[in-house]
């Protein structure tokens, strides 16, 4: 189980416990966190679960694969260093304390 902080674009924070094995996107969905739409349900077929990973966590989350890199091209204002799709980040104990920030909108 990991405690993850989801930060809305306006700054409101939601701190929730997410079970290991789920994705960061599923944690948001299951806890009704606004700002992560997840239109494709986690299939890495859209960019509506895009977030910016806090700078302190960029090197701690698993690396992006080519499919995620391609989908991030469709995200709203992607950042080459911090942008991630939450459907592609599996929760583990090592992610306890992870902070992610939502963009102004999902597209």
PDB file of N, CA and C in Angstrom:
ATOM      1  N   UNK A   1       0.847  -1.177   0.000  1.00  0.00           N
ATOM      2  CA  UNK A   1       0.000   0.000   0.000  1.00  0.00           C
ATOM      3  C   UNK A   1       0.888   1.234   0.000  1.00  0.00           C
ATOM      4  N   UNK A   2       0.500   2.208  -0.804  1.00  0.00           N
ATOM      5  CA  UNK A   2       1.259   3.452  -0.884  1.00  0.00           C
ATOM      6  C   UNK A   2       0.317   4.630  -0.701  1.00  0.00           C
ATOM      7  N   UNK A   3       0.783   5.635  -0.015  1.00  0.00           N
ATOM      8  CA  UNK A   3       0.038   6.879   0.134  1.00  0.00           C
ATOM      9  C   UNK A   3       0.452   7.768  -1.034  1.00  0.00           C
ATOM     10  N   UNK A   4      -0.532   8.162  -1.837  1.00  0.00           N
ATOM     11  CA  UNK A   4      -0.264   8.979  -3.015  1.00  0.00           C
ATOM     12  C   UNK A   4      -1.016  10.287  -2.884  1.00  0.00           C
ATOM     13  N   UNK A   5      -0.347  11.380  -3.218  1.00  0.00           N
ATOM     14  CA  UNK A   5      -0.970  12.698  -3.201  1.00  0.00           C
ATOM     15  C   UNK A   5      -1.252  13.120  -4.631  1.00  0.00           C
ATOM     16  N   UNK A   6      -2.531  13.351  -4.907  1.00  0.00           N
ATOM     17  CA  UNK A   6      -2.990  13.853  -6.198  1.00  0.00           C
ATOM     18  C   UNK A   6      -3.286  15.332  -6.005  1.00  0.00           C
ATOM     19  N   UNK A   7      -2.678  16.180  -6.827  1.00  0.00           N
ATOM     20  CA  UNK A   7      -2.863  17.620  -6.694  1.00  0.00           C
ATOM     21  C   UNK A   7      -3.623  18.124  -7.907  1.00  0.00           C
ATOM     22  N   UNK A   8      -4.813  18.671  -7.653  1.00  0.00           N
ATOM     23  CA  UNK A   8      -5.605  19.240  -8.738  1.00  0.00           C
ATOM     24  C   UNK A   8      -4.877  20.455  -9.309  1.00  0.00           C
ATOM     25  N   UNK A   9      -5.239  20.837 -10.521  1.00  0.00           N
ATOM     26  CA  UNK A   9      -4.588  21.974 -11.174  1.00  0.00           C
ATOM     27  C   UNK A   9      -4.688  23.240 -10.317  1.00  0.00           C
ATOM     28  N   UNK A  10      -5.793  23.415  -9.618  1.00  0.00           N
ATOM     29  CA  UNK A  10      -5.985  24.582  -8.764  1.00  0.00           C
ATOM     30  C   UNK A  10      -5.259  24.508  -7.432  1.00  0.00           C
ATOM     31  N   UNK A  11      -4.624  23.366  -7.116  1.00  0.00           N
ATOM     32  CA  UNK A  11      -3.829  23.235  -5.910  1.00  0.00           C
ATOM     33  C   UNK A  11      -4.430  22.365  -4.820  1.00  0.00           C
ATOM     34  N   UNK A  12      -5.701  21.992  -4.938  1.00  0.00           N
ATOM     35  CA  UNK A  12      -6.319  21.150  -3.910  1.00  0.00           C
ATOM     36  C   UNK A  12      -5.672  19.776  -3.926  1.00  0.00           C
ATOM     37  N   UNK A  13      -5.306  19.290  -2.734  1.00  0.00           N
ATOM     38  CA  UNK A  13      -4.626  18.002  -2.612  1.00  0.00           C
ATOM     39  C   UNK A  13      -5.571  16.922  -2.097  1.00  0.00           C
ATOM     40  N   UNK A  14      -5.385  15.725  -2.616  1.00  0.00           N
ATOM     41  CA  UNK A  14      -6.113  14.534  -2.181  1.00  0.00           C
ATOM     42  C   UNK A  14      -5.060  13.482  -1.841  1.00  0.00           C
ATOM     43  N   UNK A  15      -4.981  13.077  -0.592  1.00  0.00           N
ATOM     44  CA  UNK A  15      -4.019  12.071  -0.164  1.00  0.00           C
ATOM     45  C   UNK A  15      -4.797  10.784   0.092  1.00  0.00           C
ATOM     46  N   UNK A  16      -4.461   9.743  -0.656  1.00  0.00           N
ATOM     47  CA  UNK A  16      -5.193   8.475  -0.533  1.00  0.00           C
ATOM     48  C   UNK A  16      -4.223   7.299  -0.470  1.00  0.00           C
ATOM     49  N   UNK A  17      -4.690   6.230   0.149  1.00  0.00           N
ATOM     50  CA  UNK A  17      -3.947   4.978   0.159  1.00  0.00           C
ATOM     51  C   UNK A  17      -4.363   4.176  -1.068  1.00  0.00           C
ATOM     52  N   UNK A  18      -3.379   3.692  -1.806  1.00  0.00           N
ATOM     53  CA  UNK A  18      -3.644   2.908  -3.011  1.00  0.00           C
ATOM     54  C   UNK A  18      -2.950   1.557  -2.848  1.00  0.00           C
ATOM     55  N   UNK A  19      -3.696   0.492  -3.078  1.00  0.00           N
ATOM     56  CA  UNK A  19      -3.169  -0.867  -2.897  1.00  0.00           C
ATOM     57  C   UNK A  19      -2.100  -1.185  -3.937  1.00  0.00           C
ATOM     58  N   UNK A  20      -1.100  -1.933  -3.505  1.00  0.00           N
ATOM     59  CA  UNK A  20      -0.070  -2.412  -4.431  1.00  0.00           C
ATOM     60  C   UNK A  20      -0.729  -3.220  -5.545  1.00  0.00           C
ATOM     61  N   UNK A  21      -0.185  -3.061  -6.744  1.00  0.00           N
ATOM     62  CA  UNK A  21      -0.703  -3.793  -7.896  1.00  0.00           C
ATOM     63  C   UNK A  21      -1.681  -2.986  -8.723  1.00  0.00           C
ATOM     64  N   UNK A  22      -2.338  -2.006  -8.096  1.00  0.00           N
ATOM     65  CA  UNK A  22      -3.197  -1.109  -8.865  1.00  0.00           C
ATOM     66  C   UNK A  22      -2.310  -0.086  -9.565  1.00  0.00           C
ATOM     67  N   UNK A  23      -2.885   0.665 -10.482  1.00  0.00           N
ATOM     68  CA  UNK A  23      -2.145   1.760 -11.092  1.00  0.00           C
ATOM     69  C   UNK A  23      -2.507   3.060 -10.380  1.00  0.00           C
ATOM     70  N   UNK A  24      -1.696   4.076 -10.588  1.00  0.00           N
ATOM     71  CA  UNK A  24      -1.981   5.394 -10.020  1.00  0.00           C
ATOM     72  C   UNK A  24      -3.318   5.898 -10.563  1.00  0.00           C
ATOM     73  N   UNK A  25      -3.644   5.572 -11.807  1.00  0.00           N
ATOM     74  CA  UNK A  25      -4.931   5.936 -12.397  1.00  0.00           C
ATOM     75  C   UNK A  25      -6.079   5.253 -11.671  1.00  0.00           C
ATOM     76  N   UNK A  26      -5.939   3.971 -11.368  1.00  0.00           N
ATOM     77  CA  UNK A  26      -6.997   3.245 -10.662  1.00  0.00           C
ATOM     78  C   UNK A  26      -7.198   3.814  -9.262  1.00  0.00           C
ATOM     79  N   UNK A  27      -6.115   4.236  -8.633  1.00  0.00           N
ATOM     80  CA  UNK A  27      -6.224   4.877  -7.324  1.00  0.00           C
ATOM     81  C   UNK A  27      -7.038   6.152  -7.397  1.00  0.00           C
ATOM     82  N   UNK A  28      -6.835   6.933  -8.442  1.00  0.00           N
ATOM     83  CA  UNK A  28      -7.613   8.160  -8.626  1.00  0.00           C
ATOM     84  C   UNK A  28      -9.076   7.830  -8.909  1.00  0.00           C
ATOM     85  N   UNK A  29      -9.299   6.899  -9.804  1.00  0.00           N
ATOM     86  CA  UNK A  29     -10.667   6.504 -10.164  1.00  0.00           C
ATOM     87  C   UNK A  29     -11.422   5.966  -8.958  1.00  0.00           C
ATOM     88  N   UNK A  30     -10.801   5.070  -8.220  1.00  0.00           N
ATOM     89  CA  UNK A  30     -11.461   4.427  -7.090  1.00  0.00           C
ATOM     90  C   UNK A  30     -11.747   5.387  -5.940  1.00  0.00           C
ATOM     91  N   UNK A  31     -11.036   6.509  -5.915  1.00  0.00           N
ATOM     92  CA  UNK A  31     -11.221   7.493  -4.847  1.00  0.00           C
ATOM     93  C   UNK A  31     -11.864   8.788  -5.349  1.00  0.00           C
ATOM     94  N   UNK A  32     -12.431   8.725  -6.550  1.00  0.00           N
ATOM     95  CA  UNK A  32     -13.161   9.873  -7.120  1.00  0.00           C
ATOM     96  C   UNK A  32     -12.335  11.156  -7.145  1.00  0.00           C
ATOM     97  N   UNK A  33     -11.071  11.030  -7.539  1.00  0.00           N
ATOM     98  CA  UNK A  33     -10.198  12.192  -7.635  1.00  0.00           C
ATOM     99  C   UNK A  33     -10.505  12.923  -8.940  1.00  0.00           C
ATOM    100  N   UNK A  34     -10.906  14.194  -8.873  1.00  0.00           N
ATOM    101  CA  UNK A  34     -11.178  14.933 -10.109  1.00  0.00           C
ATOM    102  C   UNK A  34      -9.887  15.267 -10.854  1.00  0.00           C
ATOM    103  N   UNK A  35      -9.984  15.327 -12.177  1.00  0.00           N
ATOM    104  CA  UNK A  35      -8.843  15.728 -12.986  1.00  0.00           C
ATOM    105  C   UNK A  35      -8.169  14.596 -13.733  1.00  0.00           C
ATOM    106  N   UNK A  36      -8.535  13.364 -13.426  1.00  0.00           N
ATOM    107  CA  UNK A  36      -8.027  12.206 -14.169  1.00  0.00           C
ATOM    108  C   UNK A  36      -9.249  11.509 -14.750  1.00  0.00           C
ATOM    109  N   UNK A  37      -9.399  11.608 -16.078  1.00  0.00           N
ATOM    110  CA  UNK A  37     -10.598  11.081 -16.726  1.00  0.00           C
ATOM    111  C   UNK A  37     -10.489   9.605 -17.092  1.00  0.00           C
ATOM    112  N   UNK A  38      -9.337   9.181 -17.582  1.00  0.00           N
ATOM    113  CA  UNK A  38      -9.095   7.778 -17.928  1.00  0.00           C
ATOM    114  C   UNK A  38     -10.136   7.226 -18.893  1.00  0.00           C
ATOM    115  N   UNK A  39     -10.336   7.926 -19.997  1.00  0.00           N
ATOM    116  CA  UNK A  39     -11.352   7.536 -20.986  1.00  0.00           C
ATOM    117  C   UNK A  39     -11.173   6.127 -21.526  1.00  0.00           C
ATOM    118  N   UNK A  40      -9.937   5.675 -21.675  1.00  0.00           N
ATOM    119  CA  UNK A  40      -9.715   4.338 -22.254  1.00  0.00           C
ATOM    120  C   UNK A  40      -9.686   3.245 -21.195  1.00  0.00           C
ATOM    121  N   UNK A  41      -9.862   3.616 -19.941  1.00  0.00           N
ATOM    122  CA  UNK A  41      -9.901   2.620 -18.877  1.00  0.00           C
ATOM    123  C   UNK A  41      -8.557   2.047 -18.486  1.00  0.00           C
ATOM    124  N   UNK A  42      -7.491   2.659 -18.940  1.00  0.00           N
ATOM    125  CA  UNK A  42      -6.165   2.192 -18.551  1.00  0.00           C
ATOM    126  C   UNK A  42      -5.442   1.384 -19.601  1.00  0.00           C
ATOM    127  N   UNK A  43      -5.900   1.451 -20.845  1.00  0.00           N
ATOM    128  CA  UNK A  43      -5.297   0.664 -21.917  1.00  0.00           C
ATOM    129  C   UNK A  43      -4.148   1.385 -22.633  1.00  0.00           C
ATOM    130  N   UNK A  44      -3.761   2.548 -22.139  1.00  0.00           N
ATOM    131  CA  UNK A  44      -2.717   3.367 -22.783  1.00  0.00           C
ATOM    132  C   UNK A  44      -3.087   3.679 -24.223  1.00  0.00           C
ATOM    133  N   UNK A  45      -4.383   4.002 -24.411  1.00  0.00           N
ATOM    134  CA  UNK A  45      -4.884   4.311 -25.742  1.00  0.00           C
ATOM    135  C   UNK A  45      -5.402   5.745 -25.832  1.00  0.00           C
ATOM    136  N   UNK A  46      -5.140   6.542 -24.802  1.00  0.00           N
ATOM    137  CA  UNK A  46      -5.508   7.957 -24.820  1.00  0.00           C
ATOM    138  C   UNK A  46      -4.523   8.687 -23.905  1.00  0.00           C
ATOM    139  N   UNK A  47      -4.768   9.941 -23.649  1.00  0.00           N
ATOM    140  CA  UNK A  47      -3.874  10.678 -22.749  1.00  0.00           C
ATOM    141  C   UNK A  47      -4.654  11.360 -21.628  1.00  0.00           C
ATOM    142  N   UNK A  48      -5.848  10.853 -21.319  1.00  0.00           N
ATOM    143  CA  UNK A  48      -6.706  11.543 -20.358  1.00  0.00           C
ATOM    144  C   UNK A  48      -6.434  11.180 -18.892  1.00  0.00           C
ATOM    145  N   UNK A  49      -5.323  10.522 -18.641  1.00  0.00           N
ATOM    146  CA  UNK A  49      -4.887  10.281 -17.253  1.00  0.00           C
ATOM    147  C   UNK A  49      -3.505  10.889 -17.048  1.00  0.00           C
ATOM    148  N   UNK A  50      -3.196  11.881 -17.863  1.00  0.00           N
ATOM    149  CA  UNK A  50      -1.905  12.563 -17.840  1.00  0.00           C
ATOM    150  C   UNK A  50      -1.719  13.339 -16.536  1.00  0.00           C
ATOM    151  N   UNK A  51      -0.526  13.250 -15.970  1.00  0.00           N
ATOM    152  CA  UNK A  51      -0.136  14.042 -14.801  1.00  0.00           C
ATOM    153  C   UNK A  51       1.316  14.469 -14.953  1.00  0.00           C
ATOM    154  N   UNK A  52       1.702  15.377 -14.077  1.00  0.00           N
ATOM    155  CA  UNK A  52       3.104  15.752 -13.935  1.00  0.00           C
ATOM    156  C   UNK A  52       3.595  15.144 -12.623  1.00  0.00           C
ATOM    157  N   UNK A  53       4.570  14.274 -12.709  1.00  0.00           N
ATOM    158  CA  UNK A  53       5.153  13.659 -11.515  1.00  0.00           C
ATOM    159  C   UNK A  53       6.034  14.702 -10.836  1.00  0.00           C
ATOM    160  N   UNK A  54       5.887  14.821  -9.527  1.00  0.00           N
ATOM    161  CA  UNK A  54       6.701  15.756  -8.761  1.00  0.00           C
ATOM    162  C   UNK A  54       8.180  15.506  -9.058  1.00  0.00           C
ATOM    163  N   UNK A  55       8.938  16.573  -9.188  1.00  0.00           N
ATOM    164  CA  UNK A  55      10.367  16.478  -9.548  1.00  0.00           C
ATOM    165  C   UNK A  55      11.137  15.491  -8.667  1.00  0.00           C
ATOM    166  N   UNK A  56      10.808  15.441  -7.392  1.00  0.00           N
ATOM    167  CA  UNK A  56      11.521  14.551  -6.470  1.00  0.00           C
ATOM    168  C   UNK A  56      11.259  13.076  -6.769  1.00  0.00           C
ATOM    169  N   UNK A  57      10.228  12.787  -7.556  1.00  0.00           N
ATOM    170  CA  UNK A  57       9.843  11.408  -7.840  1.00  0.00           C
ATOM    171  C   UNK A  57      10.153  10.952  -9.260  1.00  0.00           C
ATOM    172  N   UNK A  58      10.583  11.840 -10.111  1.00  0.00           N
ATOM    173  CA  UNK A  58      10.796  11.509 -11.526  1.00  0.00           C
ATOM    174  C   UNK A  58      11.709  10.304 -11.707  1.00  0.00           C
ATOM    175  N   UNK A  59      12.780  10.235 -10.960  1.00  0.00           N
ATOM    176  CA  UNK A  59      13.736   9.136 -11.103  1.00  0.00           C
ATOM    177  C   UNK A  59      13.318   7.874 -10.329  1.00  0.00           C
ATOM    178  N   UNK A  60      12.282   7.994  -9.498  1.00  0.00           N
ATOM    179  CA  UNK A  60      11.858   6.866  -8.660  1.00  0.00           C
ATOM    180  C   UNK A  60      10.743   6.040  -9.283  1.00  0.00           C
ATOM    181  N   UNK A  61       9.998   6.626 -10.220  1.00  0.00           N
ATOM    182  CA  UNK A  61       8.939   5.859 -10.880  1.00  0.00           C
ATOM    183  C   UNK A  61       9.552   5.070 -12.029  1.00  0.00           C
ATOM    184  N   UNK A  62       8.955   3.941 -12.384  1.00  0.00           N
ATOM    185  CA  UNK A  62       9.488   3.157 -13.506  1.00  0.00           C
ATOM    186  C   UNK A  62       9.536   3.991 -14.790  1.00  0.00           C
ATOM    187  N   UNK A  63      10.484   3.685 -15.641  1.00  0.00           N
ATOM    188  CA  UNK A  63      10.667   4.425 -16.895  1.00  0.00           C
ATOM    189  C   UNK A  63       9.470   4.251 -17.830  1.00  0.00           C
ATOM    190  N   UNK A  64       9.271   5.246 -18.681  1.00  0.00           N
ATOM    191  CA  UNK A  64       8.224   5.189 -19.703  1.00  0.00           C
ATOM    192  C   UNK A  64       8.629   4.201 -20.788  1.00  0.00           C
ATOM    193  N   UNK A  65       7.652   3.501 -21.332  1.00  0.00           N
ATOM    194  CA  UNK A  65       7.943   2.680 -22.511  1.00  0.00           C
ATOM    195  C   UNK A  65       7.562   3.467 -23.762  1.00  0.00           C
ATOM    196  N   UNK A  66       7.835   2.912 -24.927  1.00  0.00           N
ATOM    197  CA  UNK A  66       7.591   3.619 -26.191  1.00  0.00           C
ATOM    198  C   UNK A  66       6.120   3.960 -26.400  1.00  0.00           C
ATOM    199  N   UNK A  67       5.219   3.061 -26.007  1.00  0.00           N
ATOM    200  CA  UNK A  67       3.791   3.312 -26.201  1.00  0.00           C
ATOM    201  C   UNK A  67       3.343   4.519 -25.368  1.00  0.00           C
ATOM    202  N   UNK A  68       3.790   4.586 -24.121  1.00  0.00           N
ATOM    203  CA  UNK A  68       3.438   5.737 -23.287  1.00  0.00           C
ATOM    204  C   UNK A  68       4.015   7.022 -23.866  1.00  0.00           C
ATOM    205  N   UNK A  69       5.261   6.970 -24.305  1.00  0.00           N
ATOM    206  CA  UNK A  69       5.880   8.148 -24.938  1.00  0.00           C
ATOM    207  C   UNK A  69       5.031   8.638 -26.108  1.00  0.00           C
ATOM    208  N   UNK A  70       4.568   7.712 -26.939  1.00  0.00           N
ATOM    209  CA  UNK A  70       3.748   8.079 -28.097  1.00  0.00           C
ATOM    210  C   UNK A  70       2.438   8.720 -27.667  1.00  0.00           C
ATOM    211  N   UNK A  71       1.773   8.166 -26.655  1.00  0.00           N
ATOM    212  CA  UNK A  71       0.482   8.704 -26.204  1.00  0.00           C
ATOM    213  C   UNK A  71       0.639  10.066 -25.543  1.00  0.00           C
ATOM    214  N   UNK A  72       1.758  10.309 -24.907  1.00  0.00           N
ATOM    215  CA  UNK A  72       1.978  11.609 -24.272  1.00  0.00           C
ATOM    216  C   UNK A  72       2.058  12.741 -25.292  1.00  0.00           C
ATOM    217  N   UNK A  73       2.329  12.401 -26.553  1.00  0.00           N
ATOM    218  CA  UNK A  73       2.320  13.420 -27.607  1.00  0.00           C
ATOM    219  C   UNK A  73       0.940  14.058 -27.757  1.00  0.00           C
ATOM    220  N   UNK A  74      -0.097  13.344 -27.315  1.00  0.00           N
ATOM    221  CA  UNK A  74      -1.466  13.835 -27.440  1.00  0.00           C
ATOM    222  C   UNK A  74      -1.966  14.527 -26.173  1.00  0.00           C
ATOM    223  N   UNK A  75      -1.172  14.541 -25.126  1.00  0.00           N
ATOM    224  CA  UNK A  75      -1.571  15.134 -23.848  1.00  0.00           C
ATOM    225  C   UNK A  75      -1.547  16.652 -23.919  1.00  0.00           C
ATOM    226  N   UNK A  76      -2.268  17.283 -23.000  1.00  0.00           N
ATOM    227  CA  UNK A  76      -2.276  18.744 -22.903  1.00  0.00           C
ATOM    228  C   UNK A  76      -0.976  19.208 -22.247  1.00  0.00           C
ATOM    229  N   UNK A  77      -0.230  20.021 -22.963  1.00  0.00           N
ATOM    230  CA  UNK A  77       1.018  20.609 -22.492  1.00  0.00           C
ATOM    231  C   UNK A  77       1.942  19.596 -21.793  1.00  0.00           C
ATOM    232  N   UNK A  78       2.350  18.545 -22.516  1.00  0.00           N
ATOM    233  CA  UNK A  78       3.245  17.561 -21.895  1.00  0.00           C
ATOM    234  C   UNK A  78       4.623  18.150 -21.601  1.00  0.00           C
ATOM    235  N   UNK A  79       5.204  17.676 -20.530  1.00  0.00           N
ATOM    236  CA  UNK A  79       6.563  18.058 -20.161  1.00  0.00           C
ATOM    237  C   UNK A  79       7.448  16.834 -20.385  1.00  0.00           C
ATOM    238  N   UNK A  80       8.513  16.960 -21.167  1.00  0.00           N
ATOM    239  CA  UNK A  80       9.343  15.793 -21.477  1.00  0.00           C
ATOM    240  C   UNK A  80       9.891  15.079 -20.240  1.00  0.00           C
ATOM    241  N   UNK A  81      10.111  15.800 -19.172  1.00  0.00           N
ATOM    242  CA  UNK A  81      10.722  15.202 -17.983  1.00  0.00           C
ATOM    243  C   UNK A  81       9.684  14.655 -16.999  1.00  0.00           C
ATOM    244  N   UNK A  82       8.599  15.392 -16.745  1.00  0.00           N
ATOM    245  CA  UNK A  82       7.702  15.028 -15.644  1.00  0.00           C
ATOM    246  C   UNK A  82       6.373  14.421 -16.074  1.00  0.00           C
ATOM    247  N   UNK A  83       6.002  14.526 -17.348  1.00  0.00           N
ATOM    248  CA  UNK A  83       4.705  14.003 -17.782  1.00  0.00           C
ATOM    249  C   UNK A  83       4.685  12.481 -17.787  1.00  0.00           C
ATOM    250  N   UNK A  84       3.586  11.949 -17.243  1.00  0.00           N
ATOM    251  CA  UNK A  84       3.361  10.510 -17.244  1.00  0.00           C
ATOM    252  C   UNK A  84       1.882  10.228 -17.416  1.00  0.00           C
ATOM    253  N   UNK A  85       1.577   9.029 -17.886  1.00  0.00           N
ATOM    254  CA  UNK A  85       0.205   8.538 -17.902  1.00  0.00           C
ATOM    255  C   UNK A  85       0.043   7.675 -16.661  1.00  0.00           C
ATOM    256  N   UNK A  86      -0.925   8.011 -15.830  1.00  0.00           N
ATOM    257  CA  UNK A  86      -1.076   7.303 -14.557  1.00  0.00           C
ATOM    258  C   UNK A  86      -1.483   5.856 -14.737  1.00  0.00           C
ATOM    259  N   UNK A  87      -2.033   5.508 -15.890  1.00  0.00           N
ATOM    260  CA  UNK A  87      -2.400   4.109 -16.135  1.00  0.00           C
ATOM    261  C   UNK A  87      -1.171   3.226 -16.310  1.00  0.00           C
ATOM    262  N   UNK A  88      -0.019   3.842 -16.498  1.00  0.00           N
ATOM    263  CA  UNK A  88       1.204   3.085 -16.738  1.00  0.00           C
ATOM    264  C   UNK A  88       2.129   3.029 -15.524  1.00  0.00           C
ATOM    265  N   UNK A  89       1.673   3.553 -14.391  1.00  0.00           N
ATOM    266  CA  UNK A  89       2.498   3.521 -13.185  1.00  0.00           C
ATOM    267  C   UNK A  89       1.841   2.585 -12.178  1.00  0.00           C
ATOM    268  N   UNK A  90       2.436   1.402 -12.009  1.00  0.00           N
ATOM    269  CA  UNK A  90       1.945   0.417 -11.035  1.00  0.00           C
ATOM    270  C   UNK A  90       2.389   0.819  -9.630  1.00  0.00           C
ATOM    271  N   UNK A  91       1.459   0.728  -8.697  1.00  0.00           N
ATOM    272  CA  UNK A  91       1.733   1.089  -7.313  1.00  0.00           C
ATOM    273  C   UNK A  91       2.492  -0.037  -6.609  1.00  0.00           C
ATOM    274  N   UNK A  92       3.562   0.347  -5.918  1.00  0.00           N
ATOM    275  CA  UNK A  92       4.350  -0.552  -5.085  1.00  0.00           C
ATOM    276  C   UNK A  92       4.670   0.196  -3.795  1.00  0.00           C
ATOM    277  N   UNK A  93       5.208  -0.518  -2.820  1.00  0.00           N
ATOM    278  CA  UNK A  93       5.617   0.125  -1.565  1.00  0.00           C
ATOM    279  C   UNK A  93       6.626   1.247  -1.817  1.00  0.00           C
ATOM    280  N   UNK A  94       7.440   1.094  -2.846  1.00  0.00           N
ATOM    281  CA  UNK A  94       8.467   2.089  -3.158  1.00  0.00           C
ATOM    282  C   UNK A  94       7.871   3.426  -3.588  1.00  0.00           C
ATOM    283  N   UNK A  95       6.595   3.443  -3.972  1.00  0.00           N
ATOM    284  CA  UNK A  95       5.959   4.689  -4.398  1.00  0.00           C
ATOM    285  C   UNK A  95       5.217   5.386  -3.258  1.00  0.00           C
ATOM    286  N   UNK A  96       5.385   4.897  -2.029  1.00  0.00           N
ATOM    287  CA  UNK A  96       4.749   5.543  -0.884  1.00  0.00           C
ATOM    288  C   UNK A  96       5.240   6.984  -0.769  1.00  0.00           C
ATOM    289  N   UNK A  97       4.308   7.935  -0.835  1.00  0.00           N
ATOM    290  CA  UNK A  97       4.657   9.354  -0.780  1.00  0.00           C
ATOM    291  C   UNK A  97       4.641  10.043  -2.137  1.00  0.00           C
ATOM    292  N   UNK A  98       4.399   9.298  -3.209  1.00  0.00           N
ATOM    293  CA  UNK A  98       4.376   9.861  -4.561  1.00  0.00           C
ATOM    294  C   UNK A  98       3.409  11.040  -4.646  1.00  0.00           C
ATOM    295  N   UNK A  99       3.832  12.094  -5.342  1.00  0.00           N
ATOM    296  CA  UNK A  99       2.990  13.271  -5.599  1.00  0.00           C
ATOM    297  C   UNK A  99       2.868  13.445  -7.112  1.00  0.00           C
ATOM    298  N   UNK A 100       1.633  13.612  -7.566  1.00  0.00           N
ATOM    299  CA  UNK A 100       1.385  13.899  -8.973  1.00  0.00           C
ATOM    300  C   UNK A 100       0.459  15.095  -9.076  1.00  0.00           C
ATOM    301  N   UNK A 101       0.677  15.905 -10.112  1.00  0.00           N
ATOM    302  CA  UNK A 101      -0.105  17.128 -10.313  1.00  0.00           C
ATOM    303  C   UNK A 101      -0.849  17.013 -11.640  1.00  0.00           C
ATOM    304  N   UNK A 102      -2.122  17.393 -11.618  1.00  0.00           N
ATOM    305  CA  UNK A 102      -2.938  17.334 -12.817  1.00  0.00           C
ATOM    306  C   UNK A 102      -2.698  18.560 -13.706  1.00  0.00           C
ATOM    307  N   UNK A 103      -2.797  18.377 -15.018  1.00  0.00           N
ATOM    308  CA  UNK A 103      -2.716  19.515 -15.919  1.00  0.00           C
ATOM    309  C   UNK A 103      -4.010  20.344 -15.857  1.00  0.00           C
ATOM    310  N   UNK A 104      -4.033  21.461 -16.544  1.00  0.00           N
ATOM    311  CA  UNK A 104      -5.219  22.321 -16.544  1.00  0.00           C
ATOM    312  C   UNK A 104      -6.430  21.607 -17.127  1.00  0.00           C
ATOM    313  N   UNK A 105      -6.178  20.686 -18.060  1.00  0.00           N
ATOM    314  CA  UNK A 105      -7.271  19.910 -18.640  1.00  0.00           C
ATOM    315  C   UNK A 105      -6.706  18.622 -19.232  1.00  0.00           C
ATOM    316  N   UNK A 106      -7.590  17.696 -19.502  1.00  0.00           N
ATOM    317  CA  UNK A 106      -7.216  16.444 -20.156  1.00  0.00           C
ATOM    318  C   UNK A 106      -7.787  16.486 -21.581  1.00  0.00           C
ATOM    319  N   UNK A 107      -6.994  16.001 -22.536  1.00  0.00           N
ATOM    320  CA  UNK A 107      -7.487  15.946 -23.924  1.00  0.00           C
ATOM    321  C   UNK A 107      -7.186  14.589 -24.523  1.00  0.00           C
TER     322      UNK A 107
END
